[in-house]
Protein backbone atom coordinates (compact mmCIF):
# COMPACT_ATOMS: atom_id res chain seq x y z
CA UNK A 1 21.99 29.81 28.67
CA UNK A 2 19.92 26.14 29.36
CA UNK A 3 19.77 23.30 27.35
CA UNK A 4 16.46 22.09 26.11
CA UNK A 5 15.43 19.20 23.95
CA UNK A 6 12.07 20.83 22.99
CA UNK A 7 10.80 24.37 22.83
CA UNK A 8 10.39 25.70 26.54
CA UNK A 9 6.30 26.24 25.25
CA UNK A 10 4.45 24.18 22.55
CA UNK A 11 1.08 23.97 21.20
CA UNK A 12 1.07 20.38 19.57
CA UNK A 13 -1.80 18.46 19.17
CA UNK A 14 -1.28 15.28 20.59
CA UNK A 15 -4.62 14.03 19.62
CA UNK A 16 -4.98 14.85 16.23
CA UNK A 17 -5.25 10.91 15.02
CA UNK A 18 -6.02 8.64 18.34
CA UNK A 19 -7.86 6.27 16.23
CA UNK A 20 -4.39 5.80 14.61
CA UNK A 21 -2.07 5.98 18.03
CA UNK A 22 -4.38 3.55 19.75
CA UNK A 23 -4.66 0.99 16.80
CA UNK A 24 -1.20 0.56 16.22
CA UNK A 25 -0.56 -0.07 19.56
CA UNK A 26 -2.93 -2.59 19.79
CA UNK A 27 -2.20 -4.45 16.67
CA UNK A 28 1.57 -4.37 18.41
CA UNK A 29 0.50 -5.72 21.49
CA UNK A 30 -1.62 -8.39 19.49
CA UNK A 31 1.35 -9.49 17.50
CA UNK A 32 3.80 -9.12 20.97
CA UNK A 33 1.05 -12.01 21.97
CA UNK A 34 0.94 -14.00 19.45
CA UNK A 35 5.02 -14.35 18.54
CA UNK A 36 5.00 -14.83 22.69
CA UNK A 37 3.00 -18.03 21.87
CA UNK A 38 4.08 -18.96 18.41
CA UNK A 39 8.23 -18.69 18.74
CA UNK A 40 8.05 -18.56 22.58
CA UNK A 41 10.88 -16.79 24.82
CA UNK A 42 14.35 -17.59 24.98
CA UNK A 43 14.26 -18.96 28.68
CA UNK A 44 17.96 -18.89 30.67
CA UNK A 45 18.90 -20.52 33.46
CA UNK A 46 16.84 -19.28 35.84
CA UNK A 47 13.51 -20.81 34.16
CA UNK A 48 14.96 -23.83 32.76
CA UNK A 49 17.30 -25.23 34.87
CA UNK A 50 21.34 -25.78 35.20
CA UNK A 51 23.87 -25.74 37.24
CA UNK A 52 25.98 -23.37 38.74
CA UNK A 53 29.76 -23.83 39.77
CA UNK A 54 31.12 -21.83 41.72
CA UNK A 55 35.32 -21.15 40.78
CA UNK A 56 38.39 -19.44 42.57
CA UNK A 57 41.88 -18.97 41.54
CA UNK A 58 45.20 -17.24 42.20
CA UNK A 59 45.39 -14.43 39.57
CA UNK A 60 42.23 -11.73 38.48
CA UNK A 61 39.47 -13.32 36.63
CA UNK A 62 39.47 -13.02 33.50
CA UNK A 63 35.55 -13.41 32.24
CA UNK A 64 36.03 -13.25 28.19
CA UNK A 65 38.92 -15.97 28.70
CA UNK A 66 36.83 -18.70 30.64
CA UNK A 67 33.86 -18.17 28.09
CA UNK A 68 36.41 -18.25 25.34
CA UNK A 69 37.89 -21.77 26.92
CA UNK A 70 34.67 -23.26 27.49
CA UNK A 71 32.99 -22.43 24.30
CA UNK A 72 34.14 -24.82 22.20
CA UNK A 73 32.61 -28.03 24.99
CA UNK A 74 29.22 -26.78 23.21
CA UNK A 75 27.58 -26.51 26.80
CA UNK A 76 24.83 -24.52 25.33
CA UNK A 77 23.70 -21.24 27.01
CA UNK A 78 26.73 -20.67 29.51
CA UNK A 79 26.91 -17.31 31.98
CA UNK A 80 29.92 -16.95 33.70
CA UNK A 81 30.40 -13.62 36.43
CA UNK A 82 32.94 -12.71 38.81
CA UNK A 83 31.85 -12.64 41.97
CA UNK A 84 32.28 -9.82 44.22
CA UNK A 85 33.00 -9.94 48.11
CA UNK A 86 33.93 -7.09 50.30
CA UNK A 87 34.25 -8.61 53.30
CA UNK A 88 36.98 -10.79 51.51
CA UNK A 89 39.07 -8.83 48.56
CA UNK A 90 41.00 -10.54 46.58
CA UNK A 91 39.12 -13.95 46.55
CA UNK A 92 38.97 -13.97 42.44
CA UNK A 93 36.22 -16.06 42.14
CA UNK A 94 33.35 -16.48 39.50
CA UNK A 95 29.86 -18.05 38.62
CA UNK A 96 29.47 -20.43 36.28
CA UNK A 97 25.99 -21.07 35.18
CA UNK A 98 25.28 -24.07 32.82
CA UNK A 99 21.72 -25.04 31.64
CA UNK A 100 20.56 -28.60 31.69
CA UNK A 101 21.89 -30.35 28.77
CA UNK A 102 19.08 -33.01 26.62
CA UNK A 103 16.82 -32.80 29.38
CA UNK A 104 19.07 -33.56 32.59
CA UNK A 105 18.62 -32.18 35.63
CA UNK A 106 22.16 -31.56 35.98
CA UNK A 107 24.93 -31.78 33.86
CA UNK A 108 27.14 -34.77 34.59
CA UNK A 109 30.49 -35.27 36.95
CA UNK A 110 32.32 -35.95 33.82
CA UNK A 111 30.50 -32.72 31.86
CA UNK A 112 32.19 -31.35 35.23
CA UNK A 113 35.54 -32.73 35.33
CA UNK A 114 35.81 -32.03 31.59
CA UNK A 115 34.82 -28.28 32.36
CA UNK A 116 37.56 -28.31 34.93
CA UNK A 117 40.35 -29.36 33.08
CA UNK A 118 39.31 -27.26 30.51
CA UNK A 119 40.20 -24.19 32.67
CA UNK A 120 42.67 -25.67 34.55
CA UNK A 121 44.88 -25.53 31.38
CA UNK A 122 44.20 -22.23 31.09
CA UNK A 123 44.69 -21.01 34.86
CA UNK A 124 45.89 -24.13 36.76
CA UNK A 125 45.50 -22.32 40.35
CA UNK A 126 41.85 -22.48 39.68
CA UNK A 127 39.53 -25.05 41.68
CA UNK A 128 36.17 -25.81 42.31
CA UNK A 129 34.36 -24.71 45.20
CA UNK A 130 30.69 -25.68 44.75
CA UNK A 131 28.83 -27.33 42.08
CA UNK A 132 25.16 -26.76 42.34
CA UNK A 133 21.90 -27.76 40.27
CA UNK A 134 18.60 -25.83 39.20
CA UNK A 135 15.90 -28.18 38.42
CA UNK A 136 12.94 -28.28 35.93
CA UNK A 137 10.83 -28.23 39.32
CA UNK A 138 12.06 -25.05 40.74
CA UNK A 139 12.79 -23.23 37.47
CA UNK A 140 8.46 -23.39 37.25
CA UNK A 141 8.33 -22.00 40.49
CA UNK A 142 10.49 -19.06 39.38
CA UNK A 143 8.35 -18.67 36.15
CA UNK A 144 5.26 -18.67 38.51
CA UNK A 145 6.67 -16.59 40.91
CA UNK A 146 7.83 -13.76 38.59
CA UNK A 147 4.53 -13.63 36.84
CA UNK A 148 3.06 -13.08 40.08
CA UNK A 149 5.58 -10.90 40.83
CA UNK A 150 4.46 -8.61 37.93
CA UNK A 151 1.23 -9.01 37.70
CA UNK A 152 1.26 -7.84 41.93
CA UNK A 153 3.47 -5.14 40.64
CA UNK A 154 0.05 -3.65 37.93
CA UNK A 155 -2.67 -4.66 40.88
CA UNK A 156 -0.77 -2.38 43.24
CA UNK A 157 -0.40 0.62 40.42
CA UNK A 158 -3.80 0.33 39.62
CA UNK A 159 -5.33 0.10 43.37
CA UNK A 160 -2.49 3.74 44.13
CA UNK A 161 -3.57 5.37 41.06
CA UNK A 162 -7.20 5.03 42.40
CA UNK A 163 -6.65 6.03 45.72
CA UNK A 164 -4.52 9.18 44.34
CA UNK A 165 -6.98 10.28 41.23
CA UNK A 166 -10.08 8.53 40.00
CA UNK A 167 -10.75 5.26 38.73
CA UNK A 168 -10.43 6.20 34.67
CA UNK A 169 -6.75 7.50 35.86
CA UNK A 170 -6.30 4.27 37.05
CA UNK A 171 -6.98 1.93 34.10
CA UNK A 172 -5.42 4.50 31.67
CA UNK A 173 -2.39 4.12 33.86
CA UNK A 174 -2.58 0.11 34.01
CA UNK A 175 -3.52 0.06 30.04
CA UNK A 176 -0.43 1.66 29.79
CA UNK A 177 1.80 -0.20 31.14
CA UNK A 178 0.45 -3.41 30.34
CA UNK A 179 1.58 -1.83 26.86
CA UNK A 180 4.86 -1.65 28.13
CA UNK A 181 5.37 -4.81 29.84
CA UNK A 182 3.89 -6.53 26.43
CA UNK A 183 5.49 -4.90 23.58
CA UNK A 184 8.75 -6.13 25.98
CA UNK A 185 7.96 -9.51 26.13
CA UNK A 186 6.76 -9.40 22.22
CA UNK A 187 10.20 -8.12 21.41
CA UNK A 188 12.39 -10.41 23.66
CA UNK A 189 10.74 -13.33 21.66
CA UNK A 190 10.54 -11.79 18.07
CA UNK A 191 15.18 -11.24 18.76
CA UNK A 192 14.63 -14.86 20.59
CA UNK A 193 17.19 -12.58 23.20
CA UNK A 194 18.19 -14.46 26.60
CA UNK A 195 14.84 -14.27 28.57
CA UNK A 196 15.93 -14.66 32.78
CA UNK A 197 15.43 -13.33 36.40
CA UNK A 198 17.15 -10.03 35.73
CA UNK A 199 14.63 -9.18 32.56
CA UNK A 200 12.41 -9.70 35.21
CA UNK A 201 13.75 -6.96 37.23
CA UNK A 202 14.12 -4.86 34.17
CA UNK A 203 10.12 -5.19 33.56
CA UNK A 204 9.65 -4.30 37.13
CA UNK A 205 11.52 -0.94 36.99
CA UNK A 206 10.40 -0.50 33.42
CA UNK A 207 6.72 -0.46 35.21
CA UNK A 208 8.06 1.66 38.03
CA UNK A 209 9.77 3.89 35.28
CA UNK A 210 6.41 4.11 33.10
CA UNK A 211 4.04 4.91 35.73
CA UNK A 212 6.52 8.04 37.40
CA UNK A 213 5.75 9.50 33.56
CA UNK A 214 2.12 9.15 33.89
CA UNK A 215 1.81 10.37 37.66
CA UNK A 216 3.96 14.05 36.35
CA UNK A 217 1.47 13.96 33.52
CA UNK A 218 -1.44 12.95 35.56
CA UNK A 219 -0.56 15.63 38.07
CA UNK A 220 -0.57 18.06 35.92
CA UNK A 221 -3.75 17.20 33.98
CA UNK A 222 -5.33 16.98 37.89
CA UNK A 223 -4.37 20.28 38.40
CA UNK A 224 -5.70 22.19 35.20
CA UNK A 225 -8.97 20.19 35.69
CA UNK A 226 -9.30 22.47 38.97
CA UNK A 227 -8.12 25.84 37.79
CA UNK A 228 -10.11 25.68 33.76
CA UNK A 229 -13.31 24.37 34.63
CA UNK A 230 -14.90 25.14 30.98
CA UNK A 231 -12.16 23.75 28.65
CA UNK A 232 -12.91 21.09 26.60
CA UNK A 233 -11.03 17.61 27.51
CA UNK A 234 -9.26 17.53 24.93
CA UNK A 235 -7.32 20.69 24.68
CA UNK A 236 -7.10 20.36 28.98
CA UNK A 237 -4.97 17.11 28.11
CA UNK A 238 -3.30 18.87 25.19
CA UNK A 239 -2.01 21.67 27.45
CA UNK A 240 -1.40 19.25 30.47
CA UNK A 241 1.35 17.14 28.05
CA UNK A 242 2.37 19.76 26.41
CA UNK A 243 3.77 21.82 29.49
CA UNK A 244 5.20 18.65 30.69
CA UNK A 245 6.81 17.57 27.95
CA UNK A 246 10.20 19.33 28.10
CA UNK A 247 10.11 17.84 31.52
CA UNK A 248 9.67 14.48 29.88
CA UNK A 249 11.46 14.18 27.11
CA UNK A 250 14.79 15.28 29.30
CA UNK A 251 14.27 12.76 31.74
CA UNK A 252 14.05 10.21 28.92
CA UNK A 253 16.72 11.43 27.15
CA UNK A 254 19.62 11.38 30.09
CA UNK A 255 18.17 8.20 31.09
CA UNK A 256 18.99 7.15 27.68
CA UNK A 257 22.69 8.80 27.46
CA UNK A 258 23.56 6.27 30.49
CA UNK A 259 21.71 3.46 29.71
CA UNK A 260 23.40 3.14 26.31
CA UNK A 261 26.68 3.44 27.89
CA UNK A 262 25.74 0.25 29.84
CA UNK A 263 24.92 -1.00 26.69
CA UNK A 264 28.10 -0.51 25.03
CA UNK A 265 30.60 -0.48 27.50
CA UNK A 266 28.89 -3.15 29.92
CA UNK A 267 29.70 -6.34 28.40
CA UNK A 268 27.78 -8.79 28.02
CA UNK A 269 26.49 -9.88 31.62
CA UNK A 270 24.73 -6.84 31.83
CA UNK A 271 23.34 -6.42 27.92
CA UNK A 272 20.16 -7.80 27.49
CA UNK A 273 19.01 -6.04 31.03
CA UNK A 274 20.24 -2.94 29.93
CA UNK A 275 18.40 -3.33 26.69
CA UNK A 276 15.16 -4.09 27.97
CA UNK A 277 15.45 -1.20 30.05
CA UNK A 278 16.57 0.76 26.87
CA UNK A 279 13.20 -0.36 25.45
CA UNK A 280 11.11 0.21 28.17
CA UNK A 281 12.28 3.63 28.69
CA UNK A 282 11.30 4.13 25.05
CA UNK A 283 7.72 2.37 25.00
CA UNK A 284 7.36 4.19 28.35
CA UNK A 285 7.41 7.67 27.46
CA UNK A 286 5.29 6.97 24.83
CA UNK A 287 2.57 5.33 26.52
CA UNK A 288 2.50 7.85 29.01
CA UNK A 289 2.10 10.53 26.30
CA UNK A 290 0.01 8.77 23.99
CA UNK A 291 -1.82 5.40 25.91
CA UNK A 292 -2.57 6.44 29.10
CA UNK A 293 -4.34 10.33 28.28
CA UNK A 294 -5.44 8.42 25.48
CA UNK A 295 -7.40 6.19 27.39
CA UNK A 296 -8.48 8.96 29.93
CA UNK A 297 -9.84 11.59 26.96
CA UNK A 298 -12.04 8.27 26.08
CA UNK A 299 -13.56 7.33 29.64
CA UNK A 300 -13.91 11.49 30.50
CA UNK A 301 -13.02 12.23 33.85
CA UNK A 302 -14.55 13.89 36.65
CA UNK A 303 -14.32 17.51 37.09
CA UNK A 304 -12.71 19.18 40.24
CA UNK A 305 -15.87 21.28 40.45
CA UNK A 306 -16.04 24.39 43.60
CA UNK A 307 -18.76 23.20 45.98
CA UNK A 308 -19.57 27.21 45.94
CA UNK A 309 -20.53 26.81 42.44
CA UNK A 310 -24.83 26.02 42.31
CA UNK A 311 -24.68 25.06 38.55
CA UNK A 312 -22.22 22.54 39.01
CA UNK A 313 -22.84 20.79 42.59
CA UNK A 314 -21.88 17.34 43.05
CA UNK A 315 -19.41 17.30 39.67
CA UNK A 316 -19.57 16.37 36.03
CA UNK A 317 -17.77 13.92 33.77
CA UNK A 318 -16.06 15.91 30.54
CA UNK A 319 -15.64 13.41 27.80
CA UNK A 320 -14.80 13.75 24.23
CA UNK A 321 -17.20 15.71 22.96
CA UNK A 322 -17.04 18.60 25.85
């Protein structure tokens, strides 16, 4: 017996209250923008600047113990990760990233010495291999590059969908992607979760995941447009979403199972990234079903009529009233 999270055949009306779903999504997007400009994002070291210290020890690294040892120094945002080099096993290397202190470009040499003494009290064999600083200019460039990367990804999606389908499909997909990214940024602003380059990677991954779901639905819509030439567009979209619903839900749930396991067991280093992915999968699935298709319903879509049909040479646009 095959496991099904939704029945094999469903006939749910996803456009029963399209004004409500689009209205709620629009309101949440506006609130996200307001939160971004009022509360701002809790930028990590990548975007605020700071100092990176590379350490080496003779014994295995205990990231939690390192973090507990440094915490009393009150250095603010401190990120500690273990570095693995497959060509040099058993190196016991860590990377410690500390935010800029009181507007300074880097922590002072006295602070570096204090950190080294604190860690040596825990592990006498530890040594500092390198100390590097990221200034505010570089951080500003990283913010600009990150924004450009997200915008470029969205425009690439716009162009791809436009070529593969029609401009109505393209606009619906891009609005859904903007919806997903905006709501994710709003959640990070609301809860003041650390926002760094790993979150930018999560945003780009969310764009790809949401697009994949949307394209699956749109492919079925295009097939049904060719098969059911007289069917009203609203009914045809409902039928297409219902036909792909089992696949959509199963993909999202299995992805969420893996992400939740990472969130619970993966530790502090990747927790913010995984949270962004969990939220992105949820809103991405929602937008693929309720946002992208609702926009397509509003815009109408070109019917793929057969050229042999004398009544419909040149095609025809179907809309809500079809």
